[in-house]
Amino acid sequence: MDDTGRLEEALAHLVRTVEDLSDVVARQDAEIARLTARVARLMEREAERELSEGGTVPLADQKPPHW
């Protein structure tokens, strides 16, 4: 195989690798967006639960005692 053939083969492998990595990043982006939305819903639900149970500010929103 001449140098041109080796370069074309290497380029084809690199293109395939970039496409595979792009697919992985796209899937991870979608999963991160889904999980972020889920965490936001859970935090809202927990804040509502804390307020309904004790009528106090949720612990996560309270200032530490040394402030």
C-alpha atoms as a PDB file:
ATOM      1  CA  MET A   1       0.000   0.000   0.000  1.00  0.00           C
ATOM      2  CA  ASP A   2       1.425   3.380  -0.943  1.00  0.00           C
ATOM      3  CA  ASP A   3       1.517   6.449   1.294  1.00  0.00           C
ATOM      4  CA  THR A   4      -1.689   7.844  -0.218  1.00  0.00           C
ATOM      5  CA  GLY A   5      -3.565   4.638   0.537  1.00  0.00           C
ATOM      6  CA  ARG A   6      -2.329   4.586   4.116  1.00  0.00           C
ATOM      7  CA  LEU A   7      -3.299   8.216   4.587  1.00  0.00           C
ATOM      8  CA  GLU A   8      -6.763   7.609   3.152  1.00  0.00           C
ATOM      9  CA  GLU A   9      -7.222   4.606   5.450  1.00  0.00           C
ATOM     10  CA  ALA A  10      -6.051   6.566   8.487  1.00  0.00           C
ATOM     11  CA  LEU A  11      -8.350   9.436   7.552  1.00  0.00           C
ATOM     12  CA  ALA A  12     -11.309   7.071   7.179  1.00  0.00           C
ATOM     13  CA  HIS A  13     -10.641   5.654  10.659  1.00  0.00           C
ATOM     14  CA  LEU A  14     -10.379   9.152  12.122  1.00  0.00           C
ATOM     15  CA  VAL A  15     -13.623  10.240  10.473  1.00  0.00           C
ATOM     16  CA  ARG A  16     -15.387   7.162  11.860  1.00  0.00           C
ATOM     17  CA  THR A  17     -13.977   7.835  15.333  1.00  0.00           C
ATOM     18  CA  VAL A  18     -15.136  11.463  15.246  1.00  0.00           C
ATOM     19  CA  GLU A  19     -18.625  10.395  14.147  1.00  0.00           C
ATOM     20  CA  ASP A  20     -18.795   7.783  16.939  1.00  0.00           C
ATOM     21  CA  LEU A  21     -17.663  10.321  19.527  1.00  0.00           C
ATOM     22  CA  SER A  22     -20.174  12.851  18.240  1.00  0.00           C
ATOM     23  CA  ASP A  23     -22.951  10.284  18.724  1.00  0.00           C
ATOM     24  CA  VAL A  24     -21.773   9.612  22.284  1.00  0.00           C
ATOM     25  CA  VAL A  25     -21.685  13.319  23.119  1.00  0.00           C
ATOM     26  CA  ALA A  26     -25.176  13.836  21.674  1.00  0.00           C
ATOM     27  CA  ARG A  27     -26.563  10.960  23.779  1.00  0.00           C
ATOM     28  CA  GLN A  28     -24.841  12.265  26.895  1.00  0.00           C
ATOM     29  CA  ASP A  29     -26.198  15.770  26.272  1.00  0.00           C
ATOM     30  CA  ALA A  30     -29.729  14.424  26.029  1.00  0.00           C
ATOM     31  CA  GLU A  31     -29.283  12.362  29.187  1.00  0.00           C
ATOM     32  CA  ILE A  32     -27.828  15.308  31.114  1.00  0.00           C
ATOM     33  CA  ALA A  33     -30.781  17.482  30.057  1.00  0.00           C
ATOM     34  CA  ARG A  34     -33.225  14.769  31.140  1.00  0.00           C
ATOM     35  CA  LEU A  35     -31.495  14.280  34.494  1.00  0.00           C
ATOM     36  CA  THR A  36     -31.242  18.036  35.109  1.00  0.00           C
ATOM     37  CA  ALA A  37     -34.976  18.402  34.581  1.00  0.00           C
ATOM     38  CA  ARG A  38     -35.624  15.453  36.888  1.00  0.00           C
ATOM     39  CA  VAL A  39     -33.451  16.891  39.655  1.00  0.00           C
ATOM     40  CA  ALA A  40     -35.237  20.251  39.336  1.00  0.00           C
ATOM     41  CA  ARG A  41     -38.630  18.536  39.686  1.00  0.00           C
ATOM     42  CA  LEU A  42     -37.423  16.555  42.700  1.00  0.00           C
ATOM     43  CA  MET A  43     -36.051  19.673  44.364  1.00  0.00           C
ATOM     44  CA  GLU A  44     -39.339  21.503  43.814  1.00  0.00           C
ATOM     45  CA  ARG A  45     -41.297  18.563  45.204  1.00  0.00           C
ATOM     46  CA  GLU A  46     -39.041  18.336  48.256  1.00  0.00           C
ATOM     47  CA  ALA A  47     -39.285  22.085  48.897  1.00  0.00           C
ATOM     48  CA  GLU A  48     -43.089  21.855  48.742  1.00  0.00           C
ATOM     49  CA  ARG A  49     -43.057  18.880  51.101  1.00  0.00           C
ATOM     50  CA  GLU A  50     -40.827  20.663  53.622  1.00  0.00           C
ATOM     51  CA  LEU A  51     -43.038  23.748  53.553  1.00  0.00           C
ATOM     52  CA  SER A  52     -46.227  21.733  53.965  1.00  0.00           C
ATOM     53  CA  GLU A  53     -44.825  19.731  56.875  1.00  0.00           C
ATOM     54  CA  GLY A  54     -43.209  22.424  58.931  1.00  0.00           C
ATOM     55  CA  GLY A  55     -43.968  25.747  57.353  1.00  0.00           C
ATOM     56  CA  THR A  56     -40.286  26.618  57.532  1.00  0.00           C
ATOM     57  CA  VAL A  57     -37.764  27.582  54.908  1.00  0.00           C
ATOM     58  CA  PRO A  58     -36.307  24.460  53.268  1.00  0.00           C
ATOM     59  CA  LEU A  59     -33.014  23.442  54.840  1.00  0.00           C
ATOM     60  CA  ALA A  60     -31.166  23.933  51.563  1.00  0.00           C
ATOM     61  CA  ASP A  61     -32.284  27.591  51.525  1.00  0.00           C
ATOM     62  CA  GLN A  62     -31.378  28.349  55.153  1.00  0.00           C
ATOM     63  CA  LYS A  63     -28.240  30.277  55.993  1.00  0.00           C
ATOM     64  CA  PRO A  64     -25.696  28.419  58.122  1.00  0.00           C
ATOM     65  CA  PRO A  65     -25.823  29.299  61.846  1.00  0.00           C
ATOM     66  CA  HIS A  66     -22.458  31.132  61.735  1.00  0.00           C
ATOM     67  CA  TRP A  67     -23.862  33.810  59.361  1.00  0.00           C
END
